[in-house]
Amino acid sequence: MKRAAVLGKGSLAIHACETIAALPMTTLDTVVPIAHEPDWDTRLSDHVADRWPATRLVHSGDWRSLEGRFDLVFSVLYDQIIGPDLINRAERIINFHPGRLPHYRGVRPVNWALHNREHLHGVTIHTIDTGVDTGPILAEALFSIWPDTDEVQDVWQRSMEHGRTLISHTLPRIDRITPRPQDEALAVTHHSRDNHKLGDRSGWRREDPSDCLQ
């Protein structure tokens, strides 16, 4: 029996749990919700407790609490950098990133894509390595965005919709996918220290530039 863990938050992480639990010869062993789950999305911890009472829940939100070796670890909108200890203990460790790679590594890829007036955005599943969103790509979905009319919340919602489909199609065939290295010549990484440069794209909506909870 393969042992799997999910780390993250919200309805997309719940979908990842559902998809993994349905895989043959796989058990959803452990789930690590982020420590402060947002109130604007379904709480991962509540859903797991109701749906899979035998699954271990790590309420601290700390990946270091994962015990032993795992065949699959899936990070879905998780808020911590995963260190080499867990990377080395997992047969396969992957991440869902709500942006195109390598063009939008790091934080707030939706905000930056709209700030840069992109007309194409994407979501990516990639292997986790010791860098920030630098691991080889397993799957991606690209879709149109319209910077003149789209708000961050619009593109975020669209990203989650495409993310659900990408997870559904990728996980059942993950052992047959050959990861594709990222092109470092195209790489751009955005850091939290640069968030002030987003201007009116810093929040969910341009008329309400409050902090964007991504």
Protein backbone atom coordinates (compact mmCIF):
# COMPACT_ATOMS: atom_id res chain seq x y z
CA MET A 1 0.00 0.00 0.00
CA LYS A 2 1.38 3.41 -1.01
CA ARG A 3 1.52 6.06 1.69
CA ALA A 4 0.51 9.61 0.75
CA ALA A 5 0.34 13.02 2.43
CA VAL A 6 -1.23 16.34 1.44
CA LEU A 7 -0.10 19.73 2.74
CA GLY A 8 -2.03 22.93 2.09
CA LYS A 9 -5.36 24.67 2.35
CA GLY A 10 -8.84 25.06 0.97
CA SER A 11 -11.04 23.35 -1.55
CA LEU A 12 -8.21 22.61 -3.98
CA ALA A 13 -6.27 20.69 -1.32
CA ILE A 14 -9.50 18.86 -0.49
CA HIS A 15 -9.80 17.87 -4.15
CA ALA A 16 -6.22 16.59 -4.06
CA CYS A 17 -7.11 14.48 -1.02
CA GLU A 18 -10.18 13.08 -2.75
CA THR A 19 -8.16 12.24 -5.87
CA ILE A 20 -5.36 10.57 -3.92
CA ALA A 21 -7.78 8.58 -1.74
CA ALA A 22 -9.35 7.19 -4.92
CA LEU A 23 -6.02 5.96 -6.34
CA PRO A 24 -5.54 2.17 -6.27
CA MET A 25 -3.33 0.77 -3.52
CA THR A 26 -2.91 4.22 -1.96
CA THR A 27 -3.83 5.46 1.51
CA LEU A 28 -4.20 9.09 2.52
CA ASP A 29 -2.02 8.69 5.58
CA THR A 30 -1.45 12.28 6.77
CA VAL A 31 -2.81 15.76 6.01
CA VAL A 32 -1.09 18.98 7.10
CA PRO A 33 -3.43 21.99 6.83
CA ILE A 34 -1.75 25.39 7.10
CA ALA A 35 -1.78 26.67 10.67
CA HIS A 36 -4.14 29.58 9.99
CA GLU A 37 -6.74 28.37 7.51
CA PRO A 38 -8.49 31.19 5.61
CA ASP A 39 -12.14 31.88 6.30
CA TRP A 40 -12.86 32.55 2.61
CA ASP A 41 -12.43 28.90 1.62
CA THR A 42 -13.48 25.48 2.89
CA ARG A 43 -11.39 24.38 5.86
CA LEU A 44 -9.21 21.42 4.91
CA SER A 45 -8.94 20.22 8.51
CA ASP A 46 -12.71 20.05 9.00
CA HIS A 47 -13.26 18.15 5.75
CA VAL A 48 -10.54 15.60 6.46
CA ALA A 49 -11.80 14.99 10.00
CA ASP A 50 -15.30 14.28 8.67
CA ARG A 51 -14.35 12.39 5.51
CA TRP A 52 -11.34 10.34 6.65
CA PRO A 53 -11.35 10.07 10.45
CA ALA A 54 -8.45 7.58 10.36
CA THR A 55 -6.18 10.03 8.53
CA ARG A 56 -3.65 11.78 10.77
CA LEU A 57 -4.12 15.56 10.94
CA VAL A 58 -1.14 17.77 11.79
CA HIS A 59 -2.79 20.87 13.25
CA SER A 60 0.51 22.72 13.75
CA GLY A 61 0.82 23.16 9.99
CA ASP A 62 4.48 22.12 10.16
CA TRP A 63 5.79 19.71 7.51
CA ARG A 64 8.47 18.61 10.00
CA SER A 65 5.77 16.68 11.85
CA LEU A 66 5.46 14.18 8.98
CA GLU A 67 6.81 10.87 10.18
CA GLY A 68 8.61 8.17 8.19
CA ARG A 69 8.83 7.71 4.44
CA PHE A 70 6.10 8.59 1.97
CA ASP A 71 5.46 7.38 -1.56
CA LEU A 72 3.74 10.66 -2.44
CA VAL A 73 3.68 14.09 -0.81
CA PHE A 74 1.56 16.76 -2.49
CA SER A 75 1.80 20.43 -1.54
CA VAL A 76 -1.31 22.39 -2.59
CA LEU A 77 -1.18 26.11 -1.72
CA TYR A 78 0.98 25.29 1.29
CA ASP A 79 2.59 28.28 3.00
CA GLN A 80 6.02 26.90 3.97
CA ILE A 81 9.22 26.06 2.12
CA ILE A 82 9.73 22.30 2.43
CA GLY A 83 13.24 21.34 3.48
CA PRO A 84 15.58 18.61 2.26
CA ASP A 85 14.73 16.26 5.12
CA LEU A 86 11.22 15.63 3.78
CA ILE A 87 12.32 15.91 0.14
CA ASN A 88 14.78 13.08 0.71
CA ARG A 89 12.24 10.96 2.60
CA ALA A 90 9.59 11.08 -0.12
CA GLU A 91 9.62 8.79 -3.13
CA ARG A 92 7.77 11.55 -5.00
CA ILE A 93 7.14 15.07 -3.71
CA ILE A 94 5.22 17.54 -5.85
CA ASN A 95 3.67 21.00 -5.69
CA PHE A 96 0.71 22.78 -7.25
CA HIS A 97 1.69 26.32 -8.27
CA PRO A 98 -0.99 28.83 -9.35
CA GLY A 99 1.18 30.35 -12.06
CA ARG A 100 3.20 29.61 -15.18
CA LEU A 101 6.69 28.25 -14.67
CA PRO A 102 9.41 29.31 -14.92
CA HIS A 103 7.96 32.75 -15.76
CA TYR A 104 6.18 33.32 -12.43
CA ARG A 105 8.02 31.59 -9.63
CA GLY A 106 7.45 32.68 -6.04
CA VAL A 107 4.58 34.63 -4.51
CA ARG A 108 1.38 36.07 -6.00
CA PRO A 109 1.75 34.83 -9.58
CA VAL A 110 -1.82 35.86 -10.42
CA ASN A 111 -1.25 39.42 -9.23
CA TRP A 112 2.02 39.71 -11.11
CA ALA A 113 0.55 38.31 -14.32
CA LEU A 114 -2.19 40.94 -14.29
CA HIS A 115 0.25 43.67 -13.27
CA ASN A 116 2.38 42.71 -16.28
CA ARG A 117 -0.73 42.76 -18.50
CA GLU A 118 -0.34 39.16 -19.57
CA HIS A 119 -3.05 37.65 -21.78
CA LEU A 120 -2.11 34.07 -20.92
CA HIS A 121 -1.85 32.57 -17.45
CA GLY A 122 -1.42 29.04 -16.21
CA VAL A 123 -1.20 26.58 -13.34
CA THR A 124 1.55 24.03 -12.87
CA ILE A 125 2.29 20.79 -11.06
CA HIS A 126 6.02 20.32 -10.57
CA THR A 127 8.49 18.25 -8.60
CA ILE A 128 9.74 19.91 -5.42
CA ASP A 129 13.47 20.41 -5.08
CA THR A 130 15.49 22.67 -2.77
CA GLY A 131 14.76 25.80 -4.82
CA VAL A 132 11.63 27.97 -4.93
CA ASP A 133 9.33 26.58 -7.64
CA THR A 134 12.38 25.39 -9.59
CA GLY A 135 11.68 21.66 -9.91
CA PRO A 136 10.89 19.86 -13.18
CA ILE A 137 7.38 20.29 -14.56
CA LEU A 138 4.95 17.36 -14.55
CA ALA A 139 1.85 19.06 -15.94
CA GLU A 140 0.51 22.51 -16.77
CA ALA A 141 -2.67 24.14 -18.01
CA LEU A 142 -2.68 27.50 -19.80
CA PHE A 143 -5.71 29.74 -20.23
CA SER A 144 -6.66 33.22 -21.37
CA ILE A 145 -6.89 36.20 -19.04
CA TRP A 146 -7.99 39.75 -19.82
CA PRO A 147 -6.05 42.40 -17.85
CA ASP A 148 -8.41 45.20 -18.87
CA THR A 149 -11.41 43.53 -17.28
CA ASP A 150 -10.17 40.74 -15.00
CA GLU A 151 -9.62 41.27 -11.30
CA VAL A 152 -7.20 39.15 -9.30
CA GLN A 153 -10.13 37.29 -7.75
CA ASP A 154 -11.41 36.40 -11.24
CA VAL A 155 -8.13 34.90 -12.39
CA TRP A 156 -7.60 33.22 -9.02
CA GLN A 157 -10.96 31.48 -9.31
CA ARG A 158 -10.18 30.44 -12.88
CA SER A 159 -6.81 29.10 -11.68
CA MET A 160 -8.54 26.95 -9.07
CA GLU A 161 -10.96 25.58 -11.68
CA HIS A 162 -8.12 24.63 -14.01
CA GLY A 163 -6.19 23.33 -11.03
CA ARG A 164 -8.94 20.85 -10.17
CA THR A 165 -8.87 19.48 -13.71
CA LEU A 166 -5.08 19.33 -13.78
CA ILE A 167 -4.96 17.42 -10.50
CA SER A 168 -7.66 15.00 -11.68
CA HIS A 169 -5.77 14.19 -14.87
CA THR A 170 -2.23 14.19 -13.48
CA LEU A 171 -2.32 12.14 -10.29
CA PRO A 172 -3.73 8.90 -11.77
CA ARG A 173 -0.92 8.80 -14.35
CA ILE A 174 1.87 10.43 -12.38
CA ASP A 175 4.09 7.32 -12.44
CA ARG A 176 4.06 7.41 -16.24
CA ILE A 177 4.97 11.10 -16.64
CA THR A 178 8.53 12.14 -17.45
CA PRO A 179 9.26 15.45 -15.69
CA ARG A 180 10.41 18.30 -17.95
CA PRO A 181 13.21 20.57 -16.66
CA GLN A 182 12.43 24.27 -16.50
CA ASP A 183 14.20 26.71 -18.79
CA GLU A 184 16.33 28.83 -16.47
CA ALA A 185 16.77 31.46 -19.18
CA LEU A 186 13.06 32.30 -18.79
CA ALA A 187 12.96 32.21 -14.99
CA VAL A 188 11.60 35.10 -12.94
CA THR A 189 11.02 34.83 -9.19
CA HIS A 190 8.79 37.22 -7.24
CA HIS A 191 9.39 37.77 -3.54
CA SER A 192 7.18 39.15 -0.78
CA ARG A 193 9.53 42.11 -0.37
CA ASP A 194 8.46 43.28 -3.84
CA ASN A 195 4.70 43.20 -3.19
CA HIS A 196 4.57 46.99 -2.90
CA LYS A 197 5.43 47.19 -6.60
CA LEU A 198 2.11 45.57 -7.52
CA GLY A 199 0.25 48.86 -7.10
CA ASP A 200 -3.49 48.45 -7.68
CA ARG A 201 -2.97 44.74 -8.32
CA SER A 202 -1.97 44.05 -4.72
CA GLY A 203 -5.49 43.04 -3.64
CA TRP A 204 -8.39 40.95 -4.86
CA ARG A 205 -9.89 43.96 -6.67
CA ARG A 206 -8.42 47.20 -7.96
CA GLU A 207 -10.94 49.33 -6.12
CA ASP A 208 -10.09 47.52 -2.88
CA PRO A 209 -6.28 47.23 -2.62
CA SER A 210 -6.37 45.28 0.64
CA ASP A 211 -3.94 42.48 1.28
CA CYS A 212 -4.52 39.53 -1.03
CA LEU A 213 -4.76 36.24 0.83
CA GLN A 214 -3.13 33.82 -1.61
